Amino acid sequence: MRRLIGSVILQLVLLLPLGRKRRSGGKPFFRDQPWTGTTVVGLILLLNAFQLGAYAIGIAYPGVWPRGPSYLLHAYLALLVVGCVVWKKGALRHVGVRRAGAGRAVLLGPGVGLISYGVYHVLAVALQGGLDPSVLHGGAPGRPFLYVLYVFRAVIAGPIIEEALYRGILYPPYRARYGPITAVALGAVLFSLGHFEVTLDSIFVGLCWGALYERTETLVAPIAAHSTYNLLWVLSELR
């Protein structure tokens, strides 16, 4: 719980500069996104309030469903993203999804996911002597239904929801204020804090997928990379 509260405080600190004046210029795709610093502040506050509540329940009732809070969190993230899309009258382009470049993104994304998976293993061994056990998403198969649900969340639902929120909605306001390089770095930190702690794994892939979104200007690419990366972790847990 202490780690979660620390994560919430750091996220709120990162929100402070967003009230400043937006910069002009930049790529039209990102410049025309409707999200502002006020939007980001509201979403992060809603997200953190739910995080605290969900994990308080998980601590109070640890034996009911050990990974239940994380499933509830993804469901809540989905509601936030859907709410934003409905708010903008169903325009998926406002969360980064567009047809232009989608074909190239479908081919490029899995390659980046595969490379990031390999590079992370090298970095983990070199910098911390081995893989961080907390990176593993769910463990070996247990009850079939819950395992299928876990795989669906890790490989399909999770990547779509997280990329729509952290790259599609939260990234443009930071980019408008700081430019792409700083925005990618801050986005990676926010993505990591959304997983309740800053880890080598989440920071590294957050940087990779933020840069991929900036390069391709479509959310299809980071979703494909994220999904591939998680799929490789799921397959590694079957050994």
C-alpha atoms as a PDB file:
ATOM      1  CA  MET A   1       0.000   0.000   0.000  1.00  0.00           C
ATOM      2  CA  ARG A   2       2.883   2.349   0.727  1.00  0.00           C
ATOM      3  CA  ARG A   3       4.278   1.727  -2.754  1.00  0.00           C
ATOM      4  CA  LEU A   4       0.886   2.499  -4.295  1.00  0.00           C
ATOM      5  CA  ILE A   5       0.569   5.785  -2.387  1.00  0.00           C
ATOM      6  CA  GLY A   6       4.078   6.759  -3.521  1.00  0.00           C
ATOM      7  CA  SER A   7       3.086   6.017  -7.115  1.00  0.00           C
ATOM      8  CA  VAL A   8      -0.001   8.209  -6.806  1.00  0.00           C
ATOM      9  CA  ILE A   9       2.031  11.124  -5.410  1.00  0.00           C
ATOM     10  CA  LEU A  10       4.612  10.917  -8.216  1.00  0.00           C
ATOM     11  CA  GLN A  11       1.894  10.841 -10.866  1.00  0.00           C
ATOM     12  CA  LEU A  12       0.317  13.956  -9.395  1.00  0.00           C
ATOM     13  CA  VAL A  13       3.710  15.712  -9.417  1.00  0.00           C
ATOM     14  CA  LEU A  14       4.064  14.942 -13.131  1.00  0.00           C
ATOM     15  CA  LEU A  15       0.704  16.618 -13.756  1.00  0.00           C
ATOM     16  CA  LEU A  16       1.720  20.009 -12.370  1.00  0.00           C
ATOM     17  CA  PRO A  17       3.424  21.476 -15.491  1.00  0.00           C
ATOM     18  CA  LEU A  18       0.461  20.656 -17.753  1.00  0.00           C
ATOM     19  CA  GLY A  19      -1.384  23.794 -16.704  1.00  0.00           C
ATOM     20  CA  ARG A  20       1.120  25.924 -18.584  1.00  0.00           C
ATOM     21  CA  LYS A  21       0.597  27.324 -22.052  1.00  0.00           C
ATOM     22  CA  ARG A  22       0.670  24.850 -24.955  1.00  0.00           C
ATOM     23  CA  ARG A  23       3.458  25.110 -27.501  1.00  0.00           C
ATOM     24  CA  SER A  24       2.588  25.660 -31.128  1.00  0.00           C
ATOM     25  CA  GLY A  25       3.937  23.677 -34.076  1.00  0.00           C
ATOM     26  CA  GLY A  26       4.788  19.994 -34.333  1.00  0.00           C
ATOM     27  CA  LYS A  27       3.229  17.215 -36.368  1.00  0.00           C
ATOM     28  CA  PRO A  28      -0.362  17.994 -37.398  1.00  0.00           C
ATOM     29  CA  PHE A  29      -1.587  14.586 -36.186  1.00  0.00           C
ATOM     30  CA  PHE A  30      -0.523  15.261 -32.601  1.00  0.00           C
ATOM     31  CA  ARG A  31      -1.235  19.002 -32.703  1.00  0.00           C
ATOM     32  CA  ASP A  32      -4.856  18.373 -33.695  1.00  0.00           C
ATOM     33  CA  GLN A  33      -5.583  15.948 -30.853  1.00  0.00           C
ATOM     34  CA  PRO A  34      -8.252  17.424 -28.543  1.00  0.00           C
ATOM     35  CA  TRP A  35      -6.773  16.365 -25.203  1.00  0.00           C
ATOM     36  CA  THR A  36      -5.548  19.078 -22.864  1.00  0.00           C
ATOM     37  CA  GLY A  37      -3.736  19.198 -19.562  1.00  0.00           C
ATOM     38  CA  THR A  38      -7.099  19.461 -17.805  1.00  0.00           C
ATOM     39  CA  THR A  39      -8.207  16.189 -19.426  1.00  0.00           C
ATOM     40  CA  VAL A  40      -5.054  14.452 -18.274  1.00  0.00           C
ATOM     41  CA  VAL A  41      -5.380  15.746 -14.710  1.00  0.00           C
ATOM     42  CA  GLY A  42      -8.970  14.538 -14.516  1.00  0.00           C
ATOM     43  CA  LEU A  43      -8.166  11.076 -15.893  1.00  0.00           C
ATOM     44  CA  ILE A  44      -5.179  10.558 -13.595  1.00  0.00           C
ATOM     45  CA  LEU A  45      -7.185  11.626 -10.545  1.00  0.00           C
ATOM     46  CA  LEU A  46      -9.985   9.212 -11.469  1.00  0.00           C
ATOM     47  CA  LEU A  47      -7.487   6.452 -12.144  1.00  0.00           C
ATOM     48  CA  ASN A  48      -5.635   6.928  -8.859  1.00  0.00           C
ATOM     49  CA  ALA A  49      -8.835   7.026  -6.835  1.00  0.00           C
ATOM     50  CA  PHE A  50      -9.848   3.684  -8.317  1.00  0.00           C
ATOM     51  CA  GLN A  51      -6.368   2.212  -7.862  1.00  0.00           C
ATOM     52  CA  LEU A  52      -6.420   3.008  -4.169  1.00  0.00           C
ATOM     53  CA  GLY A  53      -9.915   1.559  -3.751  1.00  0.00           C
ATOM     54  CA  ALA A  54      -9.294  -1.621  -5.773  1.00  0.00           C
ATOM     55  CA  TYR A  55      -6.061  -2.462  -4.018  1.00  0.00           C
ATOM     56  CA  ALA A  56      -7.487  -1.670  -0.607  1.00  0.00           C
ATOM     57  CA  ILE A  57     -10.126  -4.322  -1.364  1.00  0.00           C
ATOM     58  CA  GLY A  58      -7.393  -6.688  -2.525  1.00  0.00           C
ATOM     59  CA  ILE A  59      -5.501  -6.200   0.728  1.00  0.00           C
ATOM     60  CA  ALA A  60      -8.641  -6.609   2.825  1.00  0.00           C
ATOM     61  CA  TYR A  61      -9.728  -9.812   1.025  1.00  0.00           C
ATOM     62  CA  PRO A  62      -6.519 -11.397  -0.325  1.00  0.00           C
ATOM     63  CA  GLY A  63      -7.903 -14.919  -0.623  1.00  0.00           C
ATOM     64  CA  VAL A  64     -10.975 -14.155  -2.722  1.00  0.00           C
ATOM     65  CA  TRP A  65      -9.200 -13.469  -6.022  1.00  0.00           C
ATOM     66  CA  PRO A  66      -5.450 -12.784  -5.724  1.00  0.00           C
ATOM     67  CA  ARG A  67      -5.203 -10.887  -9.016  1.00  0.00           C
ATOM     68  CA  GLY A  68      -8.710  -9.474  -8.905  1.00  0.00           C
ATOM     69  CA  PRO A  69      -7.687  -5.815  -8.349  1.00  0.00           C
ATOM     70  CA  SER A  70      -5.602  -5.773 -11.544  1.00  0.00           C
ATOM     71  CA  TYR A  71      -8.553  -7.132 -13.548  1.00  0.00           C
ATOM     72  CA  LEU A  72     -10.842  -4.532 -12.015  1.00  0.00           C
ATOM     73  CA  LEU A  73      -8.304  -1.843 -12.866  1.00  0.00           C
ATOM     74  CA  HIS A  74      -8.210  -2.829 -16.533  1.00  0.00           C
ATOM     75  CA  ALA A  75     -12.004  -2.852 -16.646  1.00  0.00           C
ATOM     76  CA  TYR A  76     -11.992   0.645 -15.178  1.00  0.00           C
ATOM     77  CA  LEU A  77      -9.353   1.818 -17.679  1.00  0.00           C
ATOM     78  CA  ALA A  78     -11.570   0.477 -20.454  1.00  0.00           C
ATOM     79  CA  LEU A  79     -14.486   2.525 -19.134  1.00  0.00           C
ATOM     80  CA  LEU A  80     -12.315   5.658 -19.051  1.00  0.00           C
ATOM     81  CA  VAL A  81     -11.129   5.147 -22.629  1.00  0.00           C
ATOM     82  CA  VAL A  82     -14.623   4.344 -23.931  1.00  0.00           C
ATOM     83  CA  GLY A  83     -15.939   7.379 -22.087  1.00  0.00           C
ATOM     84  CA  CYS A  84     -13.357   9.593 -23.796  1.00  0.00           C
ATOM     85  CA  VAL A  85     -14.218   8.161 -27.224  1.00  0.00           C
ATOM     86  CA  VAL A  86     -17.948   8.686 -26.650  1.00  0.00           C
ATOM     87  CA  TRP A  87     -17.221  12.201 -25.408  1.00  0.00           C
ATOM     88  CA  LYS A  88     -15.537  12.932 -28.753  1.00  0.00           C
ATOM     89  CA  LYS A  89     -18.489  11.407 -30.623  1.00  0.00           C
ATOM     90  CA  GLY A  90     -16.857   8.074 -31.359  1.00  0.00           C
ATOM     91  CA  ALA A  91     -13.833   9.466 -33.202  1.00  0.00           C
ATOM     92  CA  LEU A  92     -11.184   6.761 -32.791  1.00  0.00           C
ATOM     93  CA  ARG A  93      -8.597   9.069 -34.324  1.00  0.00           C
ATOM     94  CA  HIS A  94      -8.746  11.029 -31.082  1.00  0.00           C
ATOM     95  CA  VAL A  95      -7.193   8.085 -29.259  1.00  0.00           C
ATOM     96  CA  GLY A  96      -4.578   7.617 -31.972  1.00  0.00           C
ATOM     97  CA  VAL A  97      -6.299   5.048 -34.212  1.00  0.00           C
ATOM     98  CA  ARG A  98      -6.283   5.873 -37.910  1.00  0.00           C
ATOM     99  CA  ARG A  99      -6.065   4.006 -41.209  1.00  0.00           C
ATOM    100  CA  ALA A 100      -3.108   5.878 -42.668  1.00  0.00           C
ATOM    101  CA  GLY A 101       0.019   3.816 -42.065  1.00  0.00           C
ATOM    102  CA  ALA A 102      -1.908   1.011 -40.330  1.00  0.00           C
ATOM    103  CA  GLY A 103      -0.570  -1.662 -42.688  1.00  0.00           C
ATOM    104  CA  ARG A 104       3.045  -0.715 -42.028  1.00  0.00           C
ATOM    105  CA  ALA A 105       2.295  -0.441 -38.312  1.00  0.00           C
ATOM    106  CA  VAL A 106       0.898  -3.995 -38.190  1.00  0.00           C
ATOM    107  CA  LEU A 107       4.186  -5.252 -39.645  1.00  0.00           C
ATOM    108  CA  LEU A 108       6.456  -2.957 -37.634  1.00  0.00           C
ATOM    109  CA  GLY A 109       4.775  -3.331 -34.226  1.00  0.00           C
ATOM    110  CA  PRO A 110       5.375  -7.075 -33.658  1.00  0.00           C
ATOM    111  CA  GLY A 111       8.995  -6.657 -34.728  1.00  0.00           C
ATOM    112  CA  VAL A 112       9.531  -3.912 -32.154  1.00  0.00           C
ATOM    113  CA  GLY A 113       7.762  -6.044 -29.536  1.00  0.00           C
ATOM    114  CA  LEU A 114      10.058  -8.983 -30.276  1.00  0.00           C
ATOM    115  CA  ILE A 115      13.194  -6.841 -30.213  1.00  0.00           C
ATOM    116  CA  SER A 116      12.184  -5.063 -26.995  1.00  0.00           C
ATOM    117  CA  TYR A 117      11.558  -8.441 -25.361  1.00  0.00           C
ATOM    118  CA  GLY A 118      15.083  -9.604 -26.266  1.00  0.00           C
ATOM    119  CA  VAL A 119      16.768  -6.328 -25.361  1.00  0.00           C
ATOM    120  CA  TYR A 120      15.012  -6.232 -21.987  1.00  0.00           C
ATOM    121  CA  HIS A 121      16.387  -9.680 -21.136  1.00  0.00           C
ATOM    122  CA  VAL A 122      19.904  -8.501 -21.977  1.00  0.00           C
ATOM    123  CA  LEU A 123      19.511  -5.313 -19.919  1.00  0.00           C
ATOM    124  CA  ALA A 124      17.999  -7.197 -16.987  1.00  0.00           C
ATOM    125  CA  VAL A 125      20.936  -9.589 -16.834  1.00  0.00           C
ATOM    126  CA  ALA A 126      23.512  -6.826 -17.316  1.00  0.00           C
ATOM    127  CA  LEU A 127      22.058  -4.254 -14.906  1.00  0.00           C
ATOM    128  CA  GLN A 128      20.296  -6.269 -12.215  1.00  0.00           C
ATOM    129  CA  GLY A 129      21.734  -9.764 -12.510  1.00  0.00           C
ATOM    130  CA  GLY A 130      18.579 -11.397 -13.862  1.00  0.00           C
ATOM    131  CA  LEU A 131      14.891 -10.933 -14.602  1.00  0.00           C
ATOM    132  CA  ASP A 132      12.636  -9.135 -12.163  1.00  0.00           C
ATOM    133  CA  PRO A 133      10.038 -11.682 -10.943  1.00  0.00           C
ATOM    134  CA  SER A 134       7.404  -8.927 -10.770  1.00  0.00           C
ATOM    135  CA  VAL A 135       7.515  -8.669 -14.569  1.00  0.00           C
ATOM    136  CA  LEU A 136       5.723 -12.005 -14.867  1.00  0.00           C
ATOM    137  CA  HIS A 137       2.061 -11.285 -15.419  1.00  0.00           C
ATOM    138  CA  GLY A 138       0.213 -14.227 -14.007  1.00  0.00           C
ATOM    139  CA  GLY A 139       2.125 -17.414 -13.385  1.00  0.00           C
ATOM    140  CA  ALA A 140       1.530 -20.938 -14.614  1.00  0.00           C
ATOM    141  CA  PRO A 141      -1.918 -22.060 -15.770  1.00  0.00           C
ATOM    142  CA  GLY A 142      -4.285 -22.854 -12.925  1.00  0.00           C
ATOM    143  CA  ARG A 143      -8.029 -22.924 -13.320  1.00  0.00           C
ATOM    144  CA  PRO A 144      -8.743 -22.964 -17.096  1.00  0.00           C
ATOM    145  CA  PHE A 145     -11.313 -20.160 -17.177  1.00  0.00           C
ATOM    146  CA  LEU A 146      -9.179 -17.753 -15.137  1.00  0.00           C
ATOM    147  CA  TYR A 147      -6.115 -18.584 -17.209  1.00  0.00           C
ATOM    148  CA  VAL A 148      -7.970 -17.898 -20.480  1.00  0.00           C
ATOM    149  CA  LEU A 149      -9.159 -14.628 -18.956  1.00  0.00           C
ATOM    150  CA  TYR A 150      -5.588 -13.798 -17.958  1.00  0.00           C
ATOM    151  CA  VAL A 151      -4.258 -14.499 -21.461  1.00  0.00           C
ATOM    152  CA  PHE A 152      -7.021 -12.397 -23.035  1.00  0.00           C
ATOM    153  CA  ARG A 153      -6.239  -9.511 -20.714  1.00  0.00           C
ATOM    154  CA  ALA A 154      -2.471  -9.747 -21.198  1.00  0.00           C
ATOM    155  CA  VAL A 155      -2.393 -10.185 -24.979  1.00  0.00           C
ATOM    156  CA  ILE A 156      -5.506  -8.404 -26.287  1.00  0.00           C
ATOM    157  CA  ALA A 157      -7.452  -6.235 -23.845  1.00  0.00           C
ATOM    158  CA  GLY A 158      -4.526  -4.898 -21.793  1.00  0.00           C
ATOM    159  CA  PRO A 159      -2.428  -3.627 -24.736  1.00  0.00           C
ATOM    160  CA  ILE A 160      -5.408  -1.931 -26.397  1.00  0.00           C
ATOM    161  CA  ILE A 161      -6.625  -0.253 -23.206  1.00  0.00           C
ATOM    162  CA  GLU A 162      -3.225   0.821 -21.888  1.00  0.00           C
ATOM    163  CA  GLU A 163      -1.957   2.169 -25.212  1.00  0.00           C
ATOM    164  CA  ALA A 164      -5.194   4.079 -25.829  1.00  0.00           C
ATOM    165  CA  LEU A 165      -4.872   5.725 -22.426  1.00  0.00           C
ATOM    166  CA  TYR A 166      -1.127   6.302 -22.006  1.00  0.00           C
ATOM    167  CA  ARG A 167      -0.166   6.943 -25.629  1.00  0.00           C
ATOM    168  CA  GLY A 168      -3.434   7.947 -27.323  1.00  0.00           C
ATOM    169  CA  ILE A 169      -4.811  10.322 -24.673  1.00  0.00           C
ATOM    170  CA  LEU A 170      -2.081  11.211 -22.163  1.00  0.00           C
ATOM    171  CA  TYR A 171       0.824  11.599 -24.608  1.00  0.00           C
ATOM    172  CA  PRO A 172      -0.377  14.528 -26.823  1.00  0.00           C
ATOM    173  CA  PRO A 173      -0.690  17.124 -24.002  1.00  0.00           C
ATOM    174  CA  TYR A 174       2.865  16.379 -22.822  1.00  0.00           C
ATOM    175  CA  ARG A 175       4.090  16.528 -26.413  1.00  0.00           C
ATOM    176  CA  ALA A 176       2.381  19.880 -26.923  1.00  0.00           C
ATOM    177  CA  ARG A 177       4.076  21.250 -23.815  1.00  0.00           C
ATOM    178  CA  TYR A 178       7.581  19.730 -24.048  1.00  0.00           C
ATOM    179  CA  GLY A 179       8.121  18.271 -27.521  1.00  0.00           C
ATOM    180  CA  PRO A 180       8.437  14.585 -28.472  1.00  0.00           C
ATOM    181  CA  ILE A 181      11.610  13.479 -26.675  1.00  0.00           C
ATOM    182  CA  THR A 182      10.635  14.716 -23.220  1.00  0.00           C
ATOM    183  CA  ALA A 183       7.028  13.620 -23.775  1.00  0.00           C
ATOM    184  CA  VAL A 184       8.103  10.056 -24.617  1.00  0.00           C
ATOM    185  CA  ALA A 185      10.230   9.946 -21.453  1.00  0.00           C
ATOM    186  CA  LEU A 186       7.477  11.354 -19.221  1.00  0.00           C
ATOM    187  CA  GLY A 187       4.957   9.013 -20.845  1.00  0.00           C
ATOM    188  CA  ALA A 188       7.177   6.049 -20.018  1.00  0.00           C
ATOM    189  CA  VAL A 189       7.350   7.152 -16.362  1.00  0.00           C
ATOM    190  CA  LEU A 190       3.569   7.580 -16.179  1.00  0.00           C
ATOM    191  CA  PHE A 191       3.095   4.161 -17.788  1.00  0.00           C
ATOM    192  CA  SER A 192       5.448   2.629 -15.230  1.00  0.00           C
ATOM    193  CA  LEU A 193       3.742   4.397 -12.315  1.00  0.00           C
ATOM    194  CA  GLY A 194       0.425   3.106 -13.620  1.00  0.00           C
ATOM    195  CA  HIS A 195       1.823  -0.333 -12.771  1.00  0.00           C
ATOM    196  CA  PHE A 196       2.511   0.964  -9.213  1.00  0.00           C
ATOM    197  CA  GLU A 197       6.291   1.223  -9.366  1.00  0.00           C
ATOM    198  CA  VAL A 198       9.111   2.375 -11.622  1.00  0.00           C
ATOM    199  CA  THR A 199      10.800  -0.748 -13.007  1.00  0.00           C
ATOM    200  CA  LEU A 200      13.382  -1.348 -15.719  1.00  0.00           C
ATOM    201  CA  ASP A 201      10.830  -3.364 -17.672  1.00  0.00           C
ATOM    202  CA  SER A 202       8.008  -0.820 -17.733  1.00  0.00           C
ATOM    203  CA  ILE A 203      10.274   2.192 -18.305  1.00  0.00           C
ATOM    204  CA  PHE A 204      12.104   0.492 -21.182  1.00  0.00           C
ATOM    205  CA  VAL A 205       9.018  -0.696 -23.036  1.00  0.00           C
ATOM    206  CA  GLY A 206       7.274   2.616 -22.340  1.00  0.00           C
ATOM    207  CA  LEU A 207      10.134   4.393 -24.116  1.00  0.00           C
ATOM    208  CA  CYS A 208      10.042   1.923 -27.023  1.00  0.00           C
ATOM    209  CA  TRP A 209       6.303   2.142 -27.569  1.00  0.00           C
ATOM    210  CA  GLY A 210       6.155   5.906 -27.091  1.00  0.00           C
ATOM    211  CA  ALA A 211       8.872   6.364 -29.726  1.00  0.00           C
ATOM    212  CA  LEU A 212       7.037   3.936 -32.000  1.00  0.00           C
ATOM    213  CA  TYR A 213       3.819   5.951 -31.665  1.00  0.00           C
ATOM    214  CA  GLU A 214       5.681   9.167 -32.402  1.00  0.00           C
ATOM    215  CA  ARG A 215       7.296   7.623 -35.485  1.00  0.00           C
ATOM    216  CA  THR A 216       4.219   5.942 -36.986  1.00  0.00           C
ATOM    217  CA  GLU A 217       1.520   8.393 -35.825  1.00  0.00           C
ATOM    218  CA  THR A 218      -0.935   5.540 -35.317  1.00  0.00           C
ATOM    219  CA  LEU A 219      -1.765   3.605 -32.161  1.00  0.00           C
ATOM    220  CA  VAL A 220      -1.870   0.361 -34.142  1.00  0.00           C
ATOM    221  CA  ALA A 221       1.931   0.075 -33.940  1.00  0.00           C
ATOM    222  CA  PRO A 222       2.389   0.309 -30.138  1.00  0.00           C
ATOM    223  CA  ILE A 223      -0.655  -1.918 -29.589  1.00  0.00           C
ATOM    224  CA  ALA A 224       0.880  -4.590 -31.820  1.00  0.00           C
ATOM    225  CA  ALA A 225       4.259  -4.231 -30.089  1.00  0.00           C
ATOM    226  CA  HIS A 226       2.701  -4.361 -26.613  1.00  0.00           C
ATOM    227  CA  SER A 227       0.604  -7.411 -27.514  1.00  0.00           C
ATOM    228  CA  THR A 228       3.608  -9.258 -28.955  1.00  0.00           C
ATOM    229  CA  TYR A 229       5.732  -8.454 -25.910  1.00  0.00           C
ATOM    230  CA  ASN A 230       3.080  -9.727 -23.500  1.00  0.00           C
ATOM    231  CA  LEU A 231       2.475 -12.827 -25.616  1.00  0.00           C
ATOM    232  CA  LEU A 232       6.145 -13.729 -25.369  1.00  0.00           C
ATOM    233  CA  TRP A 233       5.946 -13.414 -21.567  1.00  0.00           C
ATOM    234  CA  VAL A 234       2.843 -15.628 -21.506  1.00  0.00           C
ATOM    235  CA  LEU A 235       4.600 -18.269 -23.606  1.00  0.00           C
ATOM    236  CA  SER A 236       7.690 -18.106 -21.377  1.00  0.00           C
ATOM    237  CA  GLU A 237       5.537 -18.918 -18.338  1.00  0.00           C
ATOM    238  CA  LEU A 238       4.420 -22.199 -19.938  1.00  0.00           C
ATOM    239  CA  ARG A 239       7.912 -23.696 -19.768  1.00  0.00           C
END
